[in-house]
Amino acid sequence: MKEITTKDLAKKLKDEEKISIIDVREDDEVAQGKIPGATHIPLGQIPERLDEIDKNKHHYMVCRSGGRSGKASGFLKEQGYDVTNVAGGMLDWKDEVEK
């Protein structure tokens, strides 16, 4: 499984790269703040919301610590998606968040 550090992901955002970030945490966790521009799709809803995830784009998967996003990454990879897990998740995220 491909992984990226939160520091490297933050650099991509600062460099204004057009990237897709999917936050798979639960509603109450996301309410405390998410990476700016991230799409929120809770882990349990991924299978029924595949039509919202563009198969032609690369996606960065994030959760609280990297476990759930790792599961989401594995599932999406099996479905033919190009994904990278964000190692350390929001616990390691040091940059700004949006609420």
N, C-alpha and C. Protein backbone atom coordinates (compact mmCIF):
# COMPACT_ATOMS: atom_id res chain seq x y z
N MET A 1 0.84 -1.20 0.00
CA MET A 1 0.00 0.00 0.00
C MET A 1 0.88 1.25 0.00
N LYS A 2 0.54 2.18 -0.86
CA LYS A 2 1.28 3.44 -0.91
C LYS A 2 0.90 4.29 0.30
N GLU A 3 1.89 4.98 0.86
CA GLU A 3 1.64 5.87 1.98
C GLU A 3 2.35 7.20 1.76
N ILE A 4 1.83 8.23 2.41
CA ILE A 4 2.43 9.56 2.38
C ILE A 4 2.39 10.10 3.81
N THR A 5 3.38 10.90 4.17
CA THR A 5 3.37 11.51 5.50
C THR A 5 2.46 12.74 5.47
N THR A 6 2.00 13.15 6.63
CA THR A 6 1.17 14.36 6.70
C THR A 6 1.97 15.57 6.26
N LYS A 7 3.26 15.58 6.55
CA LYS A 7 4.12 16.70 6.16
C LYS A 7 4.18 16.82 4.63
N ASP A 8 4.34 15.66 3.94
CA ASP A 8 4.40 15.69 2.47
C ASP A 8 3.05 16.07 1.86
N LEU A 9 1.97 15.62 2.48
CA LEU A 9 0.63 15.98 1.99
C LEU A 9 0.39 17.48 2.17
N ALA A 10 0.80 18.01 3.32
CA ALA A 10 0.64 19.45 3.57
C ALA A 10 1.42 20.27 2.54
N LYS A 11 2.60 19.77 2.16
CA LYS A 11 3.40 20.47 1.15
C LYS A 11 2.66 20.51 -0.19
N LYS A 12 2.01 19.40 -0.55
CA LYS A 12 1.24 19.38 -1.81
C LYS A 12 0.15 20.45 -1.77
N LEU A 13 -0.53 20.58 -0.63
CA LEU A 13 -1.58 21.59 -0.50
C LEU A 13 -0.99 23.00 -0.60
N LYS A 14 0.13 23.23 0.08
CA LYS A 14 0.77 24.55 0.04
C LYS A 14 1.25 24.89 -1.36
N ASP A 15 1.67 23.87 -2.11
CA ASP A 15 2.11 24.08 -3.49
C ASP A 15 0.92 24.19 -4.46
N GLU A 16 -0.28 24.16 -3.89
CA GLU A 16 -1.54 24.29 -4.63
C GLU A 16 -1.72 23.22 -5.70
N GLU A 17 -1.22 22.01 -5.41
CA GLU A 17 -1.47 20.89 -6.31
C GLU A 17 -2.96 20.54 -6.23
N LYS A 18 -3.52 20.14 -7.35
CA LYS A 18 -4.93 19.71 -7.38
C LYS A 18 -4.97 18.26 -6.91
N ILE A 19 -5.33 18.06 -5.64
CA ILE A 19 -5.36 16.70 -5.08
C ILE A 19 -6.73 16.41 -4.47
N SER A 20 -7.03 15.13 -4.39
CA SER A 20 -8.28 14.68 -3.79
C SER A 20 -7.95 14.00 -2.47
N ILE A 21 -8.53 14.52 -1.38
CA ILE A 21 -8.35 13.93 -0.05
C ILE A 21 -9.72 13.45 0.41
N ILE A 22 -9.79 12.20 0.85
CA ILE A 22 -11.05 11.65 1.37
C ILE A 22 -10.85 11.32 2.84
N ASP A 23 -11.65 11.94 3.69
CA ASP A 23 -11.60 11.74 5.14
C ASP A 23 -12.64 10.69 5.51
N VAL A 24 -12.20 9.55 6.06
CA VAL A 24 -13.12 8.44 6.34
C VAL A 24 -13.53 8.37 7.81
N ARG A 25 -13.28 9.45 8.57
CA ARG A 25 -13.68 9.45 9.98
C ARG A 25 -15.19 9.63 10.12
N GLU A 26 -15.68 9.46 11.34
CA GLU A 26 -17.10 9.63 11.62
C GLU A 26 -17.44 11.12 11.71
N ASP A 27 -18.74 11.43 11.63
CA ASP A 27 -19.22 12.82 11.63
C ASP A 27 -18.69 13.63 12.81
N ASP A 28 -18.74 13.05 14.02
CA ASP A 28 -18.32 13.81 15.21
C ASP A 28 -16.82 14.12 15.19
N GLU A 29 -16.03 13.26 14.58
CA GLU A 29 -14.59 13.52 14.47
C GLU A 29 -14.32 14.63 13.46
N VAL A 30 -15.00 14.58 12.33
CA VAL A 30 -14.81 15.57 11.27
C VAL A 30 -15.28 16.95 11.75
N ALA A 31 -16.30 16.97 12.62
CA ALA A 31 -16.81 18.24 13.14
C ALA A 31 -15.73 19.01 13.91
N GLN A 32 -14.73 18.30 14.40
CA GLN A 32 -13.64 18.94 15.15
C GLN A 32 -12.60 19.54 14.21
N GLY A 33 -12.72 19.25 12.92
CA GLY A 33 -11.82 19.84 11.93
C GLY A 33 -11.28 18.80 10.97
N LYS A 34 -11.19 19.21 9.71
CA LYS A 34 -10.65 18.32 8.68
C LYS A 34 -9.67 19.10 7.81
N ILE A 35 -8.91 18.37 7.02
CA ILE A 35 -7.96 19.01 6.11
C ILE A 35 -8.76 19.85 5.11
N PRO A 36 -8.38 21.10 4.90
CA PRO A 36 -9.13 21.95 3.97
C PRO A 36 -9.30 21.30 2.60
N GLY A 37 -10.56 21.28 2.13
CA GLY A 37 -10.87 20.73 0.82
C GLY A 37 -11.14 19.24 0.80
N ALA A 38 -10.93 18.56 1.94
CA ALA A 38 -11.15 17.11 1.98
C ALA A 38 -12.64 16.79 1.85
N THR A 39 -12.93 15.68 1.19
CA THR A 39 -14.29 15.16 1.06
C THR A 39 -14.52 14.19 2.21
N HIS A 40 -15.66 14.31 2.87
CA HIS A 40 -15.96 13.42 4.00
C HIS A 40 -16.86 12.27 3.56
N ILE A 41 -16.33 11.05 3.62
CA ILE A 41 -17.12 9.84 3.38
C ILE A 41 -16.73 8.85 4.48
N PRO A 42 -17.58 8.66 5.51
CA PRO A 42 -17.24 7.73 6.58
C PRO A 42 -16.91 6.34 6.03
N LEU A 43 -15.96 5.67 6.69
CA LEU A 43 -15.49 4.36 6.22
C LEU A 43 -16.63 3.41 5.88
N GLY A 44 -17.63 3.30 6.73
CA GLY A 44 -18.73 2.37 6.51
C GLY A 44 -19.58 2.69 5.29
N GLN A 45 -19.49 3.93 4.79
CA GLN A 45 -20.28 4.33 3.63
C GLN A 45 -19.53 4.23 2.30
N ILE A 46 -18.23 3.94 2.36
CA ILE A 46 -17.43 3.88 1.13
C ILE A 46 -18.04 2.95 0.06
N PRO A 47 -18.39 1.69 0.42
CA PRO A 47 -18.91 0.79 -0.64
C PRO A 47 -20.15 1.32 -1.36
N GLU A 48 -21.05 1.98 -0.64
CA GLU A 48 -22.28 2.47 -1.28
C GLU A 48 -22.11 3.84 -1.92
N ARG A 49 -20.96 4.47 -1.73
CA ARG A 49 -20.75 5.80 -2.30
C ARG A 49 -19.61 5.83 -3.31
N LEU A 50 -19.28 4.67 -3.89
CA LEU A 50 -18.20 4.59 -4.88
C LEU A 50 -18.42 5.52 -6.05
N ASP A 51 -19.69 5.77 -6.40
CA ASP A 51 -19.99 6.64 -7.54
C ASP A 51 -19.55 8.09 -7.29
N GLU A 52 -19.27 8.44 -6.02
CA GLU A 52 -18.81 9.79 -5.69
C GLU A 52 -17.28 9.91 -5.78
N ILE A 53 -16.60 8.78 -5.99
CA ILE A 53 -15.14 8.77 -6.02
C ILE A 53 -14.68 8.54 -7.46
N ASP A 54 -14.03 9.55 -8.02
CA ASP A 54 -13.60 9.51 -9.42
C ASP A 54 -12.47 8.50 -9.61
N LYS A 55 -12.74 7.48 -10.43
CA LYS A 55 -11.75 6.43 -10.68
C LYS A 55 -10.57 6.94 -11.49
N ASN A 56 -10.70 8.09 -12.13
CA ASN A 56 -9.63 8.64 -12.96
C ASN A 56 -8.69 9.57 -12.19
N LYS A 57 -8.93 9.73 -10.88
CA LYS A 57 -8.10 10.61 -10.06
C LYS A 57 -7.36 9.79 -9.02
N HIS A 58 -6.28 10.37 -8.52
CA HIS A 58 -5.55 9.79 -7.39
C HIS A 58 -6.16 10.36 -6.11
N HIS A 59 -6.38 9.52 -5.10
CA HIS A 59 -7.00 9.96 -3.85
C HIS A 59 -6.09 9.67 -2.67
N TYR A 60 -6.06 10.62 -1.73
CA TYR A 60 -5.33 10.45 -0.47
C TYR A 60 -6.37 10.18 0.61
N MET A 61 -6.21 9.05 1.31
CA MET A 61 -7.18 8.63 2.31
C MET A 61 -6.67 8.98 3.70
N VAL A 62 -7.53 9.63 4.51
CA VAL A 62 -7.11 10.04 5.85
C VAL A 62 -8.16 9.68 6.89
N CYS A 63 -7.70 9.36 8.11
CA CYS A 63 -8.59 9.14 9.25
C CYS A 63 -7.88 9.72 10.48
N ARG A 64 -8.20 9.22 11.67
CA ARG A 64 -7.60 9.76 12.88
C ARG A 64 -6.11 9.40 12.98
N SER A 65 -5.80 8.11 12.76
CA SER A 65 -4.41 7.68 12.96
C SER A 65 -3.80 6.91 11.79
N GLY A 66 -4.61 6.53 10.81
CA GLY A 66 -4.10 5.81 9.65
C GLY A 66 -4.65 4.40 9.49
N GLY A 67 -5.34 3.89 10.51
CA GLY A 67 -5.88 2.53 10.45
C GLY A 67 -7.09 2.39 9.55
N ARG A 68 -8.10 3.20 9.80
CA ARG A 68 -9.33 3.13 8.98
C ARG A 68 -9.06 3.55 7.54
N SER A 69 -8.21 4.56 7.38
CA SER A 69 -7.89 4.99 6.01
C SER A 69 -7.09 3.90 5.29
N GLY A 70 -6.32 3.13 6.06
CA GLY A 70 -5.61 1.99 5.46
C GLY A 70 -6.58 0.94 4.96
N LYS A 71 -7.64 0.67 5.74
CA LYS A 71 -8.68 -0.28 5.31
C LYS A 71 -9.39 0.25 4.07
N ALA A 72 -9.72 1.53 4.08
CA ALA A 72 -10.39 2.15 2.93
C ALA A 72 -9.49 2.08 1.70
N SER A 73 -8.20 2.34 1.89
CA SER A 73 -7.25 2.29 0.77
C SER A 73 -7.19 0.90 0.17
N GLY A 74 -7.13 -0.12 1.04
CA GLY A 74 -7.10 -1.50 0.56
C GLY A 74 -8.34 -1.87 -0.23
N PHE A 75 -9.50 -1.48 0.30
CA PHE A 75 -10.77 -1.77 -0.38
C PHE A 75 -10.83 -1.07 -1.74
N LEU A 76 -10.50 0.23 -1.76
CA LEU A 76 -10.57 0.98 -3.01
C LEU A 76 -9.57 0.47 -4.04
N LYS A 77 -8.39 0.08 -3.58
CA LYS A 77 -7.38 -0.48 -4.50
C LYS A 77 -7.93 -1.74 -5.17
N GLU A 78 -8.62 -2.58 -4.38
CA GLU A 78 -9.23 -3.80 -4.93
C GLU A 78 -10.29 -3.47 -5.98
N GLN A 79 -10.92 -2.30 -5.85
CA GLN A 79 -11.96 -1.89 -6.79
C GLN A 79 -11.37 -1.16 -8.01
N GLY A 80 -10.04 -1.04 -8.04
CA GLY A 80 -9.40 -0.41 -9.19
C GLY A 80 -9.07 1.06 -9.05
N TYR A 81 -9.13 1.59 -7.83
CA TYR A 81 -8.83 3.00 -7.59
C TYR A 81 -7.35 3.19 -7.29
N ASP A 82 -6.84 4.38 -7.59
CA ASP A 82 -5.46 4.76 -7.30
C ASP A 82 -5.48 5.56 -6.00
N VAL A 83 -5.00 4.96 -4.91
CA VAL A 83 -5.10 5.60 -3.60
C VAL A 83 -3.78 5.53 -2.84
N THR A 84 -3.62 6.49 -1.93
CA THR A 84 -2.47 6.54 -1.03
C THR A 84 -2.99 6.80 0.37
N ASN A 85 -2.52 6.02 1.34
CA ASN A 85 -2.91 6.20 2.73
C ASN A 85 -2.06 7.30 3.37
N VAL A 86 -2.71 8.15 4.18
CA VAL A 86 -1.99 9.20 4.91
C VAL A 86 -1.54 8.61 6.25
N ALA A 87 -0.25 8.32 6.36
CA ALA A 87 0.31 7.71 7.57
C ALA A 87 0.20 8.67 8.75
N GLY A 88 -0.27 8.16 9.88
CA GLY A 88 -0.38 8.99 11.08
C GLY A 88 -1.68 9.75 11.19
N GLY A 89 -2.37 9.91 10.07
CA GLY A 89 -3.69 10.56 10.07
C GLY A 89 -3.72 11.93 10.71
N MET A 90 -4.90 12.30 11.18
CA MET A 90 -5.10 13.64 11.74
C MET A 90 -4.34 13.84 13.04
N LEU A 91 -3.96 12.77 13.72
CA LEU A 91 -3.15 12.92 14.93
C LEU A 91 -1.80 13.55 14.60
N ASP A 92 -1.29 13.31 13.39
CA ASP A 92 -0.01 13.87 12.96
C ASP A 92 -0.15 15.16 12.16
N TRP A 93 -1.38 15.55 11.83
CA TRP A 93 -1.59 16.73 10.98
C TRP A 93 -1.30 18.00 11.77
N LYS A 94 -0.31 18.77 11.31
CA LYS A 94 0.12 19.98 12.04
C LYS A 94 -0.35 21.27 11.36
N ASP A 95 -0.95 21.16 10.20
CA ASP A 95 -1.34 22.35 9.46
C ASP A 95 -2.79 22.74 9.78
N GLU A 96 -3.29 23.72 9.04
CA GLU A 96 -4.63 24.23 9.33
C GLU A 96 -5.72 23.19 9.04
N VAL A 97 -6.84 23.38 9.72
CA VAL A 97 -8.01 22.55 9.50
C VAL A 97 -9.21 23.46 9.26
N GLU A 98 -10.22 22.89 8.59
CA GLU A 98 -11.46 23.64 8.39
C GLU A 98 -12.55 22.92 9.17
N LYS A 99 -13.49 23.72 9.70
CA LYS A 99 -14.59 23.12 10.48
C LYS A 99 -15.89 23.33 9.78
